[in-house]
Amino acid sequence: DMHLIQKKATLGIKGLAILCVVLGLFASAESAQDANNTEGELTFLKLKLESLKDRFRHMCNQYSDLAHNCSAPVHVGDHCFFLSNDTDGWLNSTLKCKDIGGHLAILTTKEEYDALEEEARTIGTFNPFYWLGLSDIENEGDWKWVDNSTLQVSFWNTLKSEPDNNASAGEAGEDCAVYRRICQMDAIPLN
């Protein structure tokens, strides 16, 4: 009996070993197939990424062409500026600029100021004043642009007495008047 038990145990161990080898081979084949699938998926994703990059570059080139063919008369860097012909108050001017997809102009470079001053001189009207996106409506004397940034540098000459918050404008004083406006449309950066 003991010999029979040993023989069956040996056969069982050999069978178990064969089963392990077969399972190992099956797992190895499955793993190789997964690796091939993963490699195939990776290749597919790389091709898809390259295709998307090409489409993005094409769209950027089209956008760049549109940005450089700005319909506004003044184009400086990534900004287009439109000088209005009609006059209005500052608040209405901000709304009118929003209606055309922009905002009252924020001048951050001398190049922008010079280009706008030249355009205003070219237009040459009785009232040479234009609204910019700058006011002290929220806090008297605290000048802020319409994007809520503070005035850092001005490129224009200001009279020592201005802005004087003229009391003739009523109890609240003078924050704004009626002028034409300069609207700014920003191009989306391509980087």
Protein backbone atom coordinates (compact mmCIF):
# COMPACT_ATOMS: atom_id res chain seq x y z
CA ASP A 1 0.00 0.00 0.00
CA MET A 2 2.77 2.35 0.85
CA HIS A 3 4.38 1.79 -2.51
CA LEU A 4 1.08 2.57 -4.24
CA ILE A 5 0.66 5.76 -2.25
CA GLN A 6 4.19 6.85 -3.19
CA LYS A 7 3.54 6.11 -6.84
CA LYS A 8 0.29 8.09 -6.83
CA ALA A 9 1.99 10.97 -4.98
CA THR A 10 4.81 11.00 -7.53
CA LEU A 11 2.31 10.97 -10.36
CA GLY A 12 0.35 13.72 -8.64
CA ILE A 13 3.46 15.85 -8.23
CA LYS A 14 4.47 15.23 -11.85
CA GLY A 15 0.94 16.08 -12.97
CA LEU A 16 0.98 19.21 -10.86
CA ALA A 17 4.36 20.16 -12.34
CA ILE A 18 3.06 19.59 -15.88
CA LEU A 19 -0.04 21.63 -15.06
CA CYS A 20 2.14 24.46 -13.75
CA VAL A 21 4.30 24.36 -16.89
CA VAL A 22 1.21 24.42 -19.12
CA LEU A 23 -0.32 27.29 -17.12
CA GLY A 24 3.02 29.10 -17.25
CA LEU A 25 3.17 28.70 -21.03
CA PHE A 26 -0.43 29.86 -21.33
CA ALA A 27 0.27 32.91 -19.13
CA SER A 28 3.42 33.65 -21.13
CA ALA A 29 1.50 33.46 -24.41
CA GLU A 30 -1.26 35.66 -22.97
CA SER A 31 1.35 38.13 -21.72
CA ALA A 32 3.02 38.24 -25.14
CA GLN A 33 -0.36 38.83 -26.76
CA ASP A 34 -1.08 41.63 -24.24
CA ALA A 35 2.33 43.13 -24.98
CA ASN A 36 1.55 43.02 -28.71
CA ASN A 37 -1.85 44.63 -28.06
CA THR A 38 -0.28 47.27 -25.82
CA GLU A 39 2.40 47.96 -28.42
CA GLY A 40 -0.27 48.21 -31.12
CA GLU A 41 -2.35 50.57 -28.98
CA LEU A 42 0.73 52.68 -28.29
CA THR A 43 1.50 52.91 -32.01
CA PHE A 44 -2.13 53.86 -32.72
CA LEU A 45 -2.08 56.56 -30.01
CA LYS A 46 1.20 57.99 -31.35
CA LEU A 47 -0.30 58.26 -34.84
CA LYS A 48 -3.45 59.86 -33.42
CA LEU A 49 -1.33 62.38 -31.46
CA GLU A 50 0.66 63.33 -34.57
CA SER A 51 -2.58 63.79 -36.51
CA LEU A 52 -3.99 66.04 -33.78
CA LYS A 53 -0.74 68.06 -33.67
CA ASP A 54 -0.94 68.58 -37.45
CA ARG A 55 -4.57 69.72 -37.19
CA PHE A 56 -3.66 72.07 -34.32
CA ARG A 57 -0.78 73.60 -36.33
CA HIS A 58 -3.11 74.08 -39.30
CA MET A 59 -5.74 75.78 -37.12
CA CYS A 60 -3.09 78.02 -35.52
CA ASN A 61 -1.90 79.10 -38.97
CA GLN A 62 -5.46 79.89 -40.00
CA TYR A 63 -6.06 81.81 -36.76
CA SER A 64 -2.79 83.69 -37.14
CA ASP A 65 -3.85 84.78 -40.63
CA LEU A 66 -7.19 85.97 -39.26
CA ALA A 67 -5.53 87.83 -36.37
CA HIS A 68 -3.17 89.64 -38.73
CA ASN A 69 -6.07 90.58 -40.99
CA CYS A 70 -7.82 92.35 -38.14
CA SER A 71 -10.79 94.40 -39.35
CA ALA A 72 -10.01 97.17 -36.84
CA PRO A 73 -7.92 100.04 -38.24
CA VAL A 74 -5.11 99.70 -35.69
CA HIS A 75 -3.32 96.40 -35.09
CA VAL A 76 -0.39 96.27 -32.64
CA GLY A 77 1.05 92.92 -31.57
CA ASP A 78 -1.81 90.67 -30.53
CA HIS A 79 -4.27 93.55 -30.12
CA CYS A 80 -6.71 95.13 -32.55
CA PHE A 81 -8.04 98.62 -31.77
CA PHE A 82 -11.21 100.23 -33.08
CA LEU A 83 -11.80 103.99 -32.67
CA SER A 84 -15.49 104.86 -32.60
CA ASN A 85 -17.14 107.70 -34.50
CA ASP A 86 -20.00 108.21 -32.04
CA THR A 87 -19.75 109.63 -28.52
CA ASP A 88 -21.09 108.22 -25.29
CA GLY A 89 -20.42 108.02 -21.57
CA TRP A 90 -17.75 105.74 -20.16
CA LEU A 91 -20.13 103.04 -18.88
CA ASN A 92 -22.08 102.88 -22.16
CA SER A 93 -18.77 102.80 -24.03
CA THR A 94 -17.67 99.75 -22.02
CA LEU A 95 -20.92 98.01 -23.00
CA LYS A 96 -20.56 98.94 -26.67
CA CYS A 97 -17.04 97.50 -26.71
CA LYS A 98 -18.35 94.28 -25.14
CA ASP A 99 -21.03 94.14 -27.84
CA ILE A 100 -18.32 93.87 -30.52
CA GLY A 101 -16.34 91.27 -28.55
CA GLY A 102 -13.79 93.52 -26.87
CA HIS A 103 -13.28 95.99 -24.05
CA LEU A 104 -12.19 99.59 -23.68
CA ALA A 105 -8.49 99.76 -24.57
CA ILE A 106 -5.80 98.92 -22.04
CA LEU A 107 -2.55 100.56 -23.14
CA THR A 108 0.51 98.75 -21.85
CA THR A 109 3.15 99.80 -24.40
CA LYS A 110 4.29 103.05 -25.95
CA GLU A 111 3.91 101.36 -29.35
CA GLU A 112 0.16 100.93 -28.72
CA TYR A 113 -0.18 104.52 -27.55
CA ASP A 114 1.75 105.93 -30.53
CA ALA A 115 -0.28 103.88 -33.05
CA LEU A 116 -3.58 105.03 -31.51
CA GLU A 117 -2.48 108.65 -31.28
CA GLU A 118 -1.48 108.56 -34.97
CA GLU A 119 -4.85 107.04 -35.93
CA ALA A 120 -6.72 109.67 -33.88
CA ARG A 121 -4.76 112.45 -35.63
CA THR A 122 -5.55 110.89 -39.01
CA ILE A 123 -9.26 110.93 -38.17
CA GLY A 124 -8.87 114.53 -36.98
CA THR A 125 -12.19 115.72 -35.54
CA PHE A 126 -13.39 118.58 -33.37
CA ASN A 127 -13.36 116.37 -30.26
CA PRO A 128 -9.99 114.58 -30.08
CA PHE A 129 -10.76 112.76 -26.80
CA TYR A 130 -11.34 109.02 -26.54
CA TRP A 131 -12.26 106.71 -23.70
CA LEU A 132 -9.70 104.17 -22.60
CA GLY A 133 -10.45 101.32 -20.22
CA LEU A 134 -9.17 103.33 -17.25
CA SER A 135 -11.20 104.89 -14.44
CA ASP A 136 -11.26 105.68 -10.74
CA ILE A 137 -14.98 104.95 -10.42
CA GLU A 138 -14.55 102.46 -7.55
CA ASN A 139 -12.13 104.51 -5.44
CA GLU A 140 -11.32 108.17 -6.15
CA GLY A 141 -7.70 108.55 -7.26
CA ASP A 142 -7.14 104.77 -7.54
CA TRP A 143 -6.89 104.35 -11.32
CA LYS A 144 -7.65 100.86 -12.61
CA TRP A 145 -7.96 99.35 -16.04
CA VAL A 146 -11.12 97.46 -16.99
CA ASP A 147 -9.30 94.16 -16.27
CA ASN A 148 -8.84 95.45 -12.67
CA SER A 149 -5.07 95.95 -13.04
CA THR A 150 -3.61 99.21 -11.74
CA LEU A 151 -2.13 101.92 -13.94
CA GLN A 152 1.64 101.37 -13.97
CA VAL A 153 2.86 103.68 -16.72
CA SER A 154 1.07 106.34 -18.72
CA PHE A 155 2.38 107.33 -22.14
CA TRP A 156 0.45 110.57 -22.39
CA ASN A 157 0.92 114.05 -21.01
CA THR A 158 -1.43 114.89 -18.16
CA LEU A 159 -2.18 118.32 -16.80
CA LYS A 160 -1.17 118.71 -13.14
CA SER A 161 -4.78 119.61 -12.28
CA GLU A 162 -6.28 116.56 -14.01
CA PRO A 163 -8.05 114.47 -13.17
CA ASP A 164 -9.56 117.04 -10.84
CA ASN A 165 -12.85 115.37 -9.88
CA ASN A 166 -14.62 118.56 -10.94
CA ALA A 167 -17.50 119.31 -8.57
CA SER A 168 -19.55 120.76 -11.44
CA ALA A 169 -20.43 117.14 -12.22
CA GLY A 170 -22.50 116.97 -9.04
CA GLU A 171 -22.03 115.76 -5.49
CA ALA A 172 -20.19 112.60 -6.57
CA GLY A 173 -17.72 114.62 -8.62
CA GLU A 174 -16.37 113.89 -12.07
CA ASP A 175 -15.36 110.35 -12.95
CA CYS A 176 -16.21 110.35 -16.64
CA ALA A 177 -17.48 112.53 -19.50
CA VAL A 178 -18.84 111.98 -23.01
CA TYR A 179 -16.21 111.01 -25.56
CA ARG A 180 -15.61 108.56 -28.35
CA ARG A 181 -14.16 105.22 -27.35
CA ILE A 182 -11.27 102.99 -28.29
CA CYS A 183 -12.25 99.33 -28.16
CA GLN A 184 -9.64 96.60 -27.99
CA MET A 185 -10.04 93.05 -29.22
CA ASP A 186 -7.41 90.60 -28.01
CA ALA A 187 -6.07 87.80 -30.14
CA ILE A 188 -5.60 84.43 -28.46
CA PRO A 189 -1.90 83.69 -27.97
CA LEU A 190 -0.65 80.84 -30.15
CA ASN A 191 1.91 79.59 -27.61
